[in-house]
PDB file of all heavy atoms in Angstrom:
ATOM      1  N   LEU A   1      13.408  15.322   0.378  1.00  0.00           N
ATOM      2  CA  LEU A   1      14.720  14.930  -0.205  1.00  0.00           C
ATOM      3  C   LEU A   1      15.903  15.573   0.431  1.00  0.00           C
ATOM      4  O   LEU A   1      15.967  16.857   0.365  1.00  0.00           O
ATOM      5  CB  LEU A   1      14.784  15.159  -1.772  1.00  0.00           C
ATOM      6  CG  LEU A   1      13.858  14.288  -2.613  1.00  0.00           C
ATOM      7  CD1 LEU A   1      13.977  14.591  -4.016  1.00  0.00           C
ATOM      8  CD2 LEU A   1      14.157  12.762  -2.351  1.00  0.00           C
ATOM      9  N   VAL A   2      16.730  14.869   1.019  1.00  0.00           N
ATOM     10  CA  VAL A   2      17.910  15.489   1.704  1.00  0.00           C
ATOM     11  C   VAL A   2      18.875  16.139   0.614  1.00  0.00           C
ATOM     12  O   VAL A   2      19.091  15.492  -0.489  1.00  0.00           O
ATOM     13  CB  VAL A   2      18.728  14.425   2.430  1.00  0.00           C
ATOM     14  CG1 VAL A   2      20.056  14.910   2.938  1.00  0.00           C
ATOM     15  CG2 VAL A   2      17.835  13.856   3.495  1.00  0.00           C
ATOM     16  N   GLY A   3      19.344  17.338   0.831  1.00  0.00           N
ATOM     17  CA  GLY A   3      20.147  18.004  -0.055  1.00  0.00           C
ATOM     18  C   GLY A   3      19.546  18.656  -1.189  1.00  0.00           C
ATOM     19  O   GLY A   3      20.260  19.187  -2.100  1.00  0.00           O
ATOM     20  N   LEU A   4      18.265  18.736  -1.243  1.00  0.00           N
ATOM     21  CA  LEU A   4      17.546  19.334  -2.372  1.00  0.00           C
ATOM     22  C   LEU A   4      17.644  20.744  -2.410  1.00  0.00           C
ATOM     23  O   LEU A   4      17.881  21.463  -3.432  1.00  0.00           O
ATOM     24  CB  LEU A   4      16.107  18.892  -2.425  1.00  0.00           C
ATOM     25  CG  LEU A   4      15.248  19.382  -3.503  1.00  0.00           C
ATOM     26  CD1 LEU A   4      15.720  18.886  -4.901  1.00  0.00           C
ATOM     27  CD2 LEU A   4      13.802  18.941  -3.336  1.00  0.00           C
ATOM     28  N   VAL A   5      17.337  21.452  -1.272  1.00  0.00           N
ATOM     29  CA  VAL A   5      17.286  22.872  -1.122  1.00  0.00           C
ATOM     30  C   VAL A   5      18.106  23.273   0.055  1.00  0.00           C
ATOM     31  O   VAL A   5      18.102  22.741   1.133  1.00  0.00           O
ATOM     32  CB  VAL A   5      15.799  23.369  -0.910  1.00  0.00           C
ATOM     33  CG1 VAL A   5      15.776  24.879  -0.845  1.00  0.00           C
ATOM     34  CG2 VAL A   5      15.032  22.900  -2.087  1.00  0.00           C
ATOM     35  N   ASP A   6      18.937  24.373  -0.140  1.00  0.00           N
ATOM     36  CA  ASP A   6      19.766  24.971   0.885  1.00  0.00           C
ATOM     37  C   ASP A   6      18.969  26.083   1.579  1.00  0.00           C
ATOM     38  O   ASP A   6      18.979  27.190   1.177  1.00  0.00           O
ATOM     39  CB  ASP A   6      21.084  25.488   0.251  1.00  0.00           C
ATOM     40  CG  ASP A   6      22.003  26.041   1.451  1.00  0.00           C
ATOM     41  OD1 ASP A   6      21.711  25.794   2.569  1.00  0.00           O
ATOM     42  OD2 ASP A   6      22.914  26.793   1.035  1.00  0.00           O
ATOM     43  N   ASP A   7      18.239  25.611   2.650  1.00  0.00           N
ATOM     44  CA  ASP A   7      17.314  26.522   3.286  1.00  0.00           C
ATOM     45  C   ASP A   7      17.039  26.027   4.653  1.00  0.00           C
ATOM     46  O   ASP A   7      16.760  24.849   4.886  1.00  0.00           O
ATOM     47  CB  ASP A   7      15.999  26.529   2.559  1.00  0.00           C
ATOM     48  CG  ASP A   7      15.004  27.495   3.148  1.00  0.00           C
ATOM     49  OD1 ASP A   7      14.252  27.072   4.117  1.00  0.00           O
ATOM     50  OD2 ASP A   7      14.924  28.653   2.697  1.00  0.00           O
ATOM     51  N   PRO A   8      17.252  26.909   5.682  1.00  0.00           N
ATOM     52  CA  PRO A   8      17.041  26.453   7.133  1.00  0.00           C
ATOM     53  C   PRO A   8      15.677  25.915   7.420  1.00  0.00           C
ATOM     54  O   PRO A   8      15.600  24.963   8.171  1.00  0.00           O
ATOM     55  CB  PRO A   8      17.500  27.719   8.006  1.00  0.00           C
ATOM     56  CG  PRO A   8      17.314  28.875   7.006  1.00  0.00           C
ATOM     57  CD  PRO A   8      17.669  28.288   5.632  1.00  0.00           C
ATOM     58  N   LEU A   9      14.666  26.619   6.892  1.00  0.00           N
ATOM     59  CA  LEU A   9      13.309  26.039   7.230  1.00  0.00           C
ATOM     60  C   LEU A   9      13.074  24.651   6.610  1.00  0.00           C
ATOM     61  O   LEU A   9      12.396  23.845   7.187  1.00  0.00           O
ATOM     62  CB  LEU A   9      12.256  27.006   6.645  1.00  0.00           C
ATOM     63  CG  LEU A   9      12.014  28.369   7.395  1.00  0.00           C
ATOM     64  CD1 LEU A   9      10.985  29.208   6.661  1.00  0.00           C
ATOM     65  CD2 LEU A   9      11.653  28.047   8.865  1.00  0.00           C
ATOM     66  N   PHE A  10      13.658  24.414   5.408  1.00  0.00           N
ATOM     67  CA  PHE A  10      13.565  23.146   4.780  1.00  0.00           C
ATOM     68  C   PHE A  10      14.291  22.114   5.583  1.00  0.00           C
ATOM     69  O   PHE A  10      13.822  21.029   5.774  1.00  0.00           O
ATOM     70  CB  PHE A  10      14.153  23.238   3.366  1.00  0.00           C
ATOM     71  CG  PHE A  10      14.016  22.006   2.508  1.00  0.00           C
ATOM     72  CD1 PHE A  10      12.816  21.535   2.046  1.00  0.00           C
ATOM     73  CD2 PHE A  10      15.118  21.144   2.316  1.00  0.00           C
ATOM     74  CE1 PHE A  10      12.725  20.425   1.373  1.00  0.00           C
ATOM     75  CE2 PHE A  10      15.114  20.007   1.544  1.00  0.00           C
ATOM     76  CZ  PHE A  10      13.847  19.629   1.059  1.00  0.00           C
ATOM     77  N   GLU A  11      15.523  22.477   6.072  1.00  0.00           N
ATOM     78  CA  GLU A  11      16.225  21.490   6.907  1.00  0.00           C
ATOM     79  C   GLU A  11      15.511  21.198   8.080  1.00  0.00           C
ATOM     80  O   GLU A  11      15.501  20.027   8.638  1.00  0.00           O
ATOM     81  CB  GLU A  11      17.672  22.122   7.183  1.00  0.00           C
ATOM     82  CG  GLU A  11      18.547  22.252   5.963  1.00  0.00           C
ATOM     83  CD  GLU A  11      18.805  20.930   5.231  1.00  0.00           C
ATOM     84  OE1 GLU A  11      18.988  19.802   5.998  1.00  0.00           O
ATOM     85  OE2 GLU A  11      18.856  20.891   4.017  1.00  0.00           O
ATOM     86  N   GLU A  12      15.015  22.109   8.765  1.00  0.00           N
ATOM     87  CA  GLU A  12      14.159  21.931   9.917  1.00  0.00           C
ATOM     88  C   GLU A  12      12.953  20.974   9.740  1.00  0.00           C
ATOM     89  O   GLU A  12      12.693  20.068  10.470  1.00  0.00           O
ATOM     90  CB  GLU A  12      13.586  23.257  10.517  1.00  0.00           C
ATOM     91  CG  GLU A  12      12.717  23.115  11.700  1.00  0.00           C
ATOM     92  CD  GLU A  12      12.066  24.464  12.040  1.00  0.00           C
ATOM     93  OE1 GLU A  12      12.832  25.416  12.310  1.00  0.00           O
ATOM     94  OE2 GLU A  12      10.783  24.542  12.116  1.00  0.00           O
ATOM     95  N   TYR A  13      12.312  21.225   8.576  1.00  0.00           N
ATOM     96  CA  TYR A  13      11.171  20.300   8.201  1.00  0.00           C
ATOM     97  C   TYR A  13      11.608  18.877   7.909  1.00  0.00           C
ATOM     98  O   TYR A  13      11.121  17.935   8.469  1.00  0.00           O
ATOM     99  CB  TYR A  13      10.571  20.865   6.902  1.00  0.00           C
ATOM    100  CG  TYR A  13       9.530  19.839   6.296  1.00  0.00           C
ATOM    101  CD1 TYR A  13       8.348  19.704   6.732  1.00  0.00           C
ATOM    102  CD2 TYR A  13       9.876  19.216   5.114  1.00  0.00           C
ATOM    103  CE1 TYR A  13       7.391  18.835   6.240  1.00  0.00           C
ATOM    104  CE2 TYR A  13       8.966  18.332   4.536  1.00  0.00           C
ATOM    105  CZ  TYR A  13       7.802  18.150   5.114  1.00  0.00           C
ATOM    106  OH  TYR A  13       6.827  17.337   4.531  1.00  0.00           O
ATOM    107  N   LEU A  14      12.786  18.651   7.173  1.00  0.00           N
ATOM    108  CA  LEU A  14      13.266  17.359   6.950  1.00  0.00           C
ATOM    109  C   LEU A  14      13.579  16.716   8.369  1.00  0.00           C
ATOM    110  O   LEU A  14      13.395  15.460   8.547  1.00  0.00           O
ATOM    111  CB  LEU A  14      14.552  17.364   6.160  1.00  0.00           C
ATOM    112  CG  LEU A  14      14.392  17.782   4.657  1.00  0.00           C
ATOM    113  CD1 LEU A  14      15.736  17.686   3.955  1.00  0.00           C
ATOM    114  CD2 LEU A  14      13.317  16.906   3.954  1.00  0.00           C
ATOM    115  N   GLY A  15      14.209  17.484   9.166  1.00  0.00           N
ATOM    116  CA  GLY A  15      14.639  16.870  10.536  1.00  0.00           C
ATOM    117  C   GLY A  15      13.434  16.379  11.365  1.00  0.00           C
ATOM    118  O   GLY A  15      13.584  15.516  12.184  1.00  0.00           O
ATOM    119  N   SER A  16      12.301  16.910  11.092  1.00  0.00           N
ATOM    120  CA  SER A  16      11.043  16.557  11.908  1.00  0.00           C
ATOM    121  C   SER A  16      10.377  15.238  11.321  1.00  0.00           C
ATOM    122  O   SER A  16       9.589  14.670  12.065  1.00  0.00           O
ATOM    123  CB  SER A  16      10.033  17.680  11.826  1.00  0.00           C
ATOM    124  OG  SER A  16       9.424  17.798  10.612  1.00  0.00           O
ATOM    125  N   LEU A  17      10.693  14.911  10.134  1.00  0.00           N
ATOM    126  CA  LEU A  17       9.908  13.787   9.548  1.00  0.00           C
ATOM    127  C   LEU A  17      10.192  12.447  10.159  1.00  0.00           C
ATOM    128  O   LEU A  17       9.271  11.783  10.406  1.00  0.00           O
ATOM    129  CB  LEU A  17      10.163  13.759   8.055  1.00  0.00           C
ATOM    130  CG  LEU A  17       9.606  14.889   7.196  1.00  0.00           C
ATOM    131  CD1 LEU A  17      10.018  14.807   5.697  1.00  0.00           C
ATOM    132  CD2 LEU A  17       7.985  14.787   7.270  1.00  0.00           C
ATOM    133  N   PRO A  18      11.497  12.065  10.433  1.00  0.00           N
ATOM    134  CA  PRO A  18      11.672  10.781  11.075  1.00  0.00           C
ATOM    135  C   PRO A  18      10.979  10.654  12.377  1.00  0.00           C
ATOM    136  O   PRO A  18      10.389   9.566  12.728  1.00  0.00           O
ATOM    137  CB  PRO A  18      13.238  10.734  11.219  1.00  0.00           C
ATOM    138  CG  PRO A  18      13.740  11.568  10.124  1.00  0.00           C
ATOM    139  CD  PRO A  18      12.701  12.713  10.075  1.00  0.00           C
ATOM    140  N   ARG A  19      11.036  11.642  13.220  1.00  0.00           N
ATOM    141  CA  ARG A  19      10.300  11.640  14.483  1.00  0.00           C
ATOM    142  C   ARG A  19       8.859  11.552  14.281  1.00  0.00           C
ATOM    143  O   ARG A  19       8.136  10.742  14.999  1.00  0.00           O
ATOM    144  CB  ARG A  19      10.583  12.973  15.230  1.00  0.00           C
ATOM    145  CG  ARG A  19      10.023  13.076  16.575  1.00  0.00           C
ATOM    146  CD  ARG A  19      10.767  12.154  17.625  1.00  0.00           C
ATOM    147  NE  ARG A  19      10.081  10.967  17.787  1.00  0.00           N
ATOM    148  CZ  ARG A  19      10.648   9.857  18.459  1.00  0.00           C
ATOM    149  NH1 ARG A  19      11.736   9.979  19.030  1.00  0.00           N
ATOM    150  NH2 ARG A  19       9.897   8.690  18.507  1.00  0.00           N
ATOM    151  N   GLY A  20       8.295  12.184  13.304  1.00  0.00           N
ATOM    152  CA  GLY A  20       6.870  12.124  13.094  1.00  0.00           C
ATOM    153  C   GLY A  20       6.378  10.742  12.603  1.00  0.00           C
ATOM    154  O   GLY A  20       5.435  10.147  12.995  1.00  0.00           O
ATOM    155  N   ILE A  21       7.235  10.093  11.759  1.00  0.00           N
ATOM    156  CA  ILE A  21       6.928   8.733  11.286  1.00  0.00           C
ATOM    157  C   ILE A  21       7.020   7.807  12.448  1.00  0.00           C
ATOM    158  O   ILE A  21       6.162   6.825  12.709  1.00  0.00           O
ATOM    159  CB  ILE A  21       7.942   8.311  10.215  1.00  0.00           C
ATOM    160  CG1 ILE A  21       7.692   9.158   8.917  1.00  0.00           C
ATOM    161  CG2 ILE A  21       7.863   6.794   9.909  1.00  0.00           C
ATOM    162  CD1 ILE A  21       8.934   9.102   7.932  1.00  0.00           C
ATOM    163  N   ALA A  22       8.123   7.895  13.331  1.00  0.00           N
ATOM    164  CA  ALA A  22       8.275   7.031  14.326  1.00  0.00           C
ATOM    165  C   ALA A  22       7.168   7.115  15.409  1.00  0.00           C
ATOM    166  O   ALA A  22       6.663   6.089  15.999  1.00  0.00           O
ATOM    167  CB  ALA A  22       9.640   7.241  15.079  1.00  0.00           C
ATOM    168  N   ASP A  23       6.644   8.412  15.717  1.00  0.00           N
ATOM    169  CA  ASP A  23       5.678   8.569  16.604  1.00  0.00           C
ATOM    170  C   ASP A  23       4.349   7.974  16.161  1.00  0.00           C
ATOM    171  O   ASP A  23       3.545   7.436  16.951  1.00  0.00           O
ATOM    172  CB  ASP A  23       5.452  10.079  16.812  1.00  0.00           C
ATOM    173  CG  ASP A  23       6.491  10.700  17.727  1.00  0.00           C
ATOM    174  OD1 ASP A  23       7.297   9.941  18.326  1.00  0.00           O
ATOM    175  OD2 ASP A  23       6.568  11.966  17.823  1.00  0.00           O
ATOM    176  N   ALA A  24       4.032   8.001  14.897  1.00  0.00           N
ATOM    177  CA  ALA A  24       2.850   7.393  14.369  1.00  0.00           C
ATOM    178  C   ALA A  24       2.871   5.954  14.603  1.00  0.00           C
ATOM    179  O   ALA A  24       1.848   5.335  14.977  1.00  0.00           O
ATOM    180  CB  ALA A  24       2.631   7.731  12.873  1.00  0.00           C
ATOM    181  N   VAL A  25       4.013   5.222  14.309  1.00  0.00           N
ATOM    182  CA  VAL A  25       4.135   3.862  14.472  1.00  0.00           C
ATOM    183  C   VAL A  25       4.066   3.470  15.912  1.00  0.00           C
ATOM    184  O   VAL A  25       3.398   2.475  16.377  1.00  0.00           O
ATOM    185  CB  VAL A  25       5.366   3.328  13.847  1.00  0.00           C
ATOM    186  CG1 VAL A  25       5.557   1.796  14.086  1.00  0.00           C
ATOM    187  CG2 VAL A  25       5.348   3.504  12.197  1.00  0.00           C
ATOM    188  N   SER A  26       4.828   4.235  16.827  1.00  0.00           N
ATOM    189  CA  SER A  26       4.703   4.010  18.283  1.00  0.00           C
ATOM    190  C   SER A  26       3.260   4.078  18.785  1.00  0.00           C
ATOM    191  O   SER A  26       2.794   3.323  19.608  1.00  0.00           O
ATOM    192  CB  SER A  26       5.597   4.980  18.990  1.00  0.00           C
ATOM    193  OG  SER A  26       6.912   4.775  18.713  1.00  0.00           O
ATOM    194  N   SER A  27       2.501   5.116  18.324  1.00  0.00           N
ATOM    195  CA  SER A  27       1.134   5.127  18.687  1.00  0.00           C
ATOM    196  C   SER A  27       0.296   4.002  18.343  1.00  0.00           C
ATOM    197  O   SER A  27      -0.556   3.574  19.022  1.00  0.00           O
ATOM    198  CB  SER A  27       0.510   6.449  18.083  1.00  0.00           C
ATOM    199  OG  SER A  27       1.122   7.653  18.571  1.00  0.00           O
ATOM    200  N   ALA A  28       0.668   3.435  17.142  1.00  0.00           N
ATOM    201  CA  ALA A  28      -0.057   2.275  16.613  1.00  0.00           C
ATOM    202  C   ALA A  28       0.280   1.026  17.511  1.00  0.00           C
ATOM    203  O   ALA A  28      -0.650   0.216  17.754  1.00  0.00           O
ATOM    204  CB  ALA A  28       0.205   2.044  15.156  1.00  0.00           C
ATOM    205  N   VAL A  29       1.445   0.956  17.887  1.00  0.00           N
ATOM    206  CA  VAL A  29       1.839  -0.161  18.794  1.00  0.00           C
ATOM    207  C   VAL A  29       1.071  -0.038  20.204  1.00  0.00           C
ATOM    208  O   VAL A  29       0.617  -1.022  20.716  1.00  0.00           O
ATOM    209  CB  VAL A  29       3.390  -0.154  19.012  1.00  0.00           C
ATOM    210  CG1 VAL A  29       3.713  -1.192  20.090  1.00  0.00           C
ATOM    211  CG2 VAL A  29       4.115  -0.588  17.642  1.00  0.00           C
ATOM    212  N   ALA A  30       1.013   1.088  20.708  1.00  0.00           N
ATOM    213  CA  ALA A  30       0.445   1.376  21.956  1.00  0.00           C
ATOM    214  C   ALA A  30      -1.092   1.053  21.766  1.00  0.00           C
ATOM    215  O   ALA A  30      -1.803   0.740  22.811  1.00  0.00           O
ATOM    216  CB  ALA A  30       0.566   2.792  22.340  1.00  0.00           C
ATOM    217  N   ASP A  31      -1.681   1.130  20.573  1.00  0.00           N
ATOM    218  CA  ASP A  31      -3.120   0.868  20.366  1.00  0.00           C
ATOM    219  C   ASP A  31      -3.409  -0.554  20.020  1.00  0.00           C
ATOM    220  O   ASP A  31      -4.588  -0.783  19.680  1.00  0.00           O
ATOM    221  CB  ASP A  31      -3.524   1.883  19.160  1.00  0.00           C
ATOM    222  CG  ASP A  31      -4.994   1.796  18.881  1.00  0.00           C
ATOM    223  OD1 ASP A  31      -5.842   1.982  19.811  1.00  0.00           O
ATOM    224  OD2 ASP A  31      -5.362   1.437  17.694  1.00  0.00           O
ATOM    225  N   LEU A  32      -2.470  -1.448  19.974  1.00  0.00           N
ATOM    226  CA  LEU A  32      -2.723  -2.808  19.480  1.00  0.00           C
ATOM    227  C   LEU A  32      -3.801  -3.424  20.362  1.00  0.00           C
ATOM    228  O   LEU A  32      -3.813  -3.482  21.642  1.00  0.00           O
ATOM    229  CB  LEU A  32      -1.425  -3.599  19.702  1.00  0.00           C
ATOM    230  CG  LEU A  32      -0.383  -3.489  18.494  1.00  0.00           C
ATOM    231  CD1 LEU A  32       0.899  -4.081  18.898  1.00  0.00           C
ATOM    232  CD2 LEU A  32      -0.930  -4.009  17.205  1.00  0.00           C
ATOM    233  N   ARG A  33      -4.804  -3.897  19.641  1.00  0.00           N
ATOM    234  CA  ARG A  33      -5.979  -4.549  20.294  1.00  0.00           C
ATOM    235  C   ARG A  33      -6.442  -5.704  19.393  1.00  0.00           C
ATOM    236  O   ARG A  33      -6.209  -5.719  18.197  1.00  0.00           O
ATOM    237  CB  ARG A  33      -7.069  -3.604  20.510  1.00  0.00           C
ATOM    238  CG  ARG A  33      -6.797  -2.410  21.515  1.00  0.00           C
ATOM    239  CD  ARG A  33      -7.999  -1.483  21.643  1.00  0.00           C
ATOM    240  NE  ARG A  33      -7.823  -0.560  22.743  1.00  0.00           N
ATOM    241  CZ  ARG A  33      -7.153   0.491  22.722  1.00  0.00           C
ATOM    242  NH1 ARG A  33      -6.400   0.793  21.552  1.00  0.00           N
ATOM    243  NH2 ARG A  33      -6.968   1.288  23.700  1.00  0.00           N
ATOM    244  N   PRO A  34      -7.131  -6.736  20.011  1.00  0.00           N
ATOM    245  CA  PRO A  34      -7.669  -7.776  19.129  1.00  0.00           C
ATOM    246  C   PRO A  34      -8.523  -7.236  18.055  1.00  0.00           C
ATOM    247  O   PRO A  34      -9.341  -6.363  18.256  1.00  0.00           O
ATOM    248  CB  PRO A  34      -8.461  -8.635  20.152  1.00  0.00           C
ATOM    249  CG  PRO A  34      -7.785  -8.417  21.449  1.00  0.00           C
ATOM    250  CD  PRO A  34      -7.340  -6.997  21.451  1.00  0.00           C
ATOM    251  N   ALA A  35      -8.396  -7.834  16.803  1.00  0.00           N
ATOM    252  CA  ALA A  35      -9.100  -7.284  15.648  1.00  0.00           C
ATOM    253  C   ALA A  35      -9.291  -8.372  14.629  1.00  0.00           C
ATOM    254  O   ALA A  35      -8.699  -9.465  14.792  1.00  0.00           O
ATOM    255  CB  ALA A  35      -8.336  -6.091  15.025  1.00  0.00           C
ATOM    256  N   ALA A  36     -10.055  -8.077  13.664  1.00  0.00           N
ATOM    257  CA  ALA A  36     -10.223  -8.979  12.513  1.00  0.00           C
ATOM    258  C   ALA A  36      -9.963  -8.251  11.195  1.00  0.00           C
ATOM    259  O   ALA A  36     -10.146  -6.973  11.186  1.00  0.00           O
ATOM    260  CB  ALA A  36     -11.672  -9.518  12.504  1.00  0.00           C
ATOM    261  N   ILE A  37      -9.564  -8.958  10.150  1.00  0.00           N
ATOM    262  CA  ILE A  37      -9.093  -8.368   8.944  1.00  0.00           C
ATOM    263  C   ILE A  37      -9.794  -9.047   7.706  1.00  0.00           C
ATOM    264  O   ILE A  37      -9.966 -10.246   7.772  1.00  0.00           O
ATOM    265  CB  ILE A  37      -7.563  -8.355   8.849  1.00  0.00           C
ATOM    266  CG1 ILE A  37      -7.043  -7.447   7.707  1.00  0.00           C
ATOM    267  CG2 ILE A  37      -6.971  -9.755   8.739  1.00  0.00           C
ATOM    268  CD1 ILE A  37      -5.492  -7.339   7.751  1.00  0.00           C
ATOM    269  N   GLY A  38      -9.885  -8.374   6.680  1.00  0.00           N
ATOM    270  CA  GLY A  38     -10.288  -8.941   5.404  1.00  0.00           C
ATOM    271  C   GLY A  38     -10.002  -7.937   4.313  1.00  0.00           C
ATOM    272  O   GLY A  38      -9.621  -6.824   4.560  1.00  0.00           O
ATOM    273  N   TRP A  39     -10.179  -8.315   3.101  1.00  0.00           N
ATOM    274  CA  TRP A  39      -9.926  -7.378   1.955  1.00  0.00           C
ATOM    275  C   TRP A  39     -10.732  -7.786   0.720  1.00  0.00           C
ATOM    276  O   TRP A  39     -11.224  -8.898   0.490  1.00  0.00           O
ATOM    277  CB  TRP A  39      -8.387  -7.387   1.628  1.00  0.00           C
ATOM    278  CG  TRP A  39      -7.772  -8.661   1.552  1.00  0.00           C
ATOM    279  CD1 TRP A  39      -7.655  -9.576   0.567  1.00  0.00           C
ATOM    280  CD2 TRP A  39      -7.026  -9.271   2.606  1.00  0.00           C
ATOM    281  NE1 TRP A  39      -6.953 -10.651   0.844  1.00  0.00           N
ATOM    282  CE2 TRP A  39      -6.503 -10.531   2.108  1.00  0.00           C
ATOM    283  CE3 TRP A  39      -6.690  -8.924   3.936  1.00  0.00           C
ATOM    284  CZ2 TRP A  39      -5.767 -11.429   2.966  1.00  0.00           C
ATOM    285  CZ3 TRP A  39      -5.881  -9.774   4.641  1.00  0.00           C
ATOM    286  CH2 TRP A  39      -5.478 -10.986   4.199  1.00  0.00           C
ATOM    287  N   GLY A  40     -10.791  -6.827  -0.123  1.00  0.00           N
ATOM    288  CA  GLY A  40     -11.459  -7.040  -1.459  1.00  0.00           C
ATOM    289  C   GLY A  40     -11.117  -5.848  -2.360  1.00  0.00           C
ATOM    290  O   GLY A  40     -10.294  -4.989  -2.021  1.00  0.00           O
ATOM    291  N   SER A  41     -11.670  -5.763  -3.552  1.00  0.00           N
ATOM    292  CA  SER A  41     -11.261  -4.818  -4.505  1.00  0.00           C
ATOM    293  C   SER A  41     -12.347  -4.586  -5.540  1.00  0.00           C
ATOM    294  O   SER A  41     -13.296  -5.338  -5.652  1.00  0.00           O
ATOM    295  CB  SER A  41      -9.998  -5.127  -5.256  1.00  0.00           C
ATOM    296  OG  SER A  41     -10.114  -6.173  -6.143  1.00  0.00           O
ATOM    297  N   VAL A  42     -12.293  -3.492  -6.200  1.00  0.00           N
ATOM    298  CA  VAL A  42     -13.199  -3.095  -7.302  1.00  0.00           C
ATOM    299  C   VAL A  42     -12.401  -2.309  -8.336  1.00  0.00           C
ATOM    300  O   VAL A  42     -11.501  -1.563  -7.926  1.00  0.00           O
ATOM    301  CB  VAL A  42     -14.389  -2.262  -6.799  1.00  0.00           C
ATOM    302  CG1 VAL A  42     -13.975  -0.975  -6.071  1.00  0.00           C
ATOM    303  CG2 VAL A  42     -15.397  -1.989  -7.911  1.00  0.00           C
ATOM    304  N   ASP A  43     -12.653  -2.364  -9.555  1.00  0.00           N
ATOM    305  CA  ASP A  43     -11.977  -1.717 -10.526  1.00  0.00           C
ATOM    306  C   ASP A  43     -12.758  -0.352 -10.756  1.00  0.00           C
ATOM    307  O   ASP A  43     -13.878  -0.226 -10.868  1.00  0.00           O
ATOM    308  CB  ASP A  43     -12.000  -2.393 -11.946  1.00  0.00           C
ATOM    309  CG  ASP A  43     -10.948  -3.471 -11.989  1.00  0.00           C
ATOM    310  OD1 ASP A  43     -10.211  -3.677 -11.000  1.00  0.00           O
ATOM    311  OD2 ASP A  43     -11.009  -4.192 -13.023  1.00  0.00           O
ATOM    312  N   VAL A  44     -11.884   0.763 -10.673  1.00  0.00           N
ATOM    313  CA  VAL A  44     -12.448   2.146 -10.853  1.00  0.00           C
ATOM    314  C   VAL A  44     -11.476   2.771 -11.974  1.00  0.00           C
ATOM    315  O   VAL A  44     -10.588   3.496 -11.678  1.00  0.00           O
ATOM    316  CB  VAL A  44     -12.320   2.920  -9.619  1.00  0.00           C
ATOM    317  CG1 VAL A  44     -13.044   4.347  -9.909  1.00  0.00           C
ATOM    318  CG2 VAL A  44     -13.013   2.237  -8.457  1.00  0.00           C
TER     319      VAL A  44
END
């Protein structure tokens, strides 16, 4: 959460998150390959 804590380590951590999210998605795009999909569920 932006503005939650006034702390330099916290600000550094927040600043790293957008890059981390973008890198994960970019890696997934680079990994695009033919695939098959399906779904189901169970109550627990």
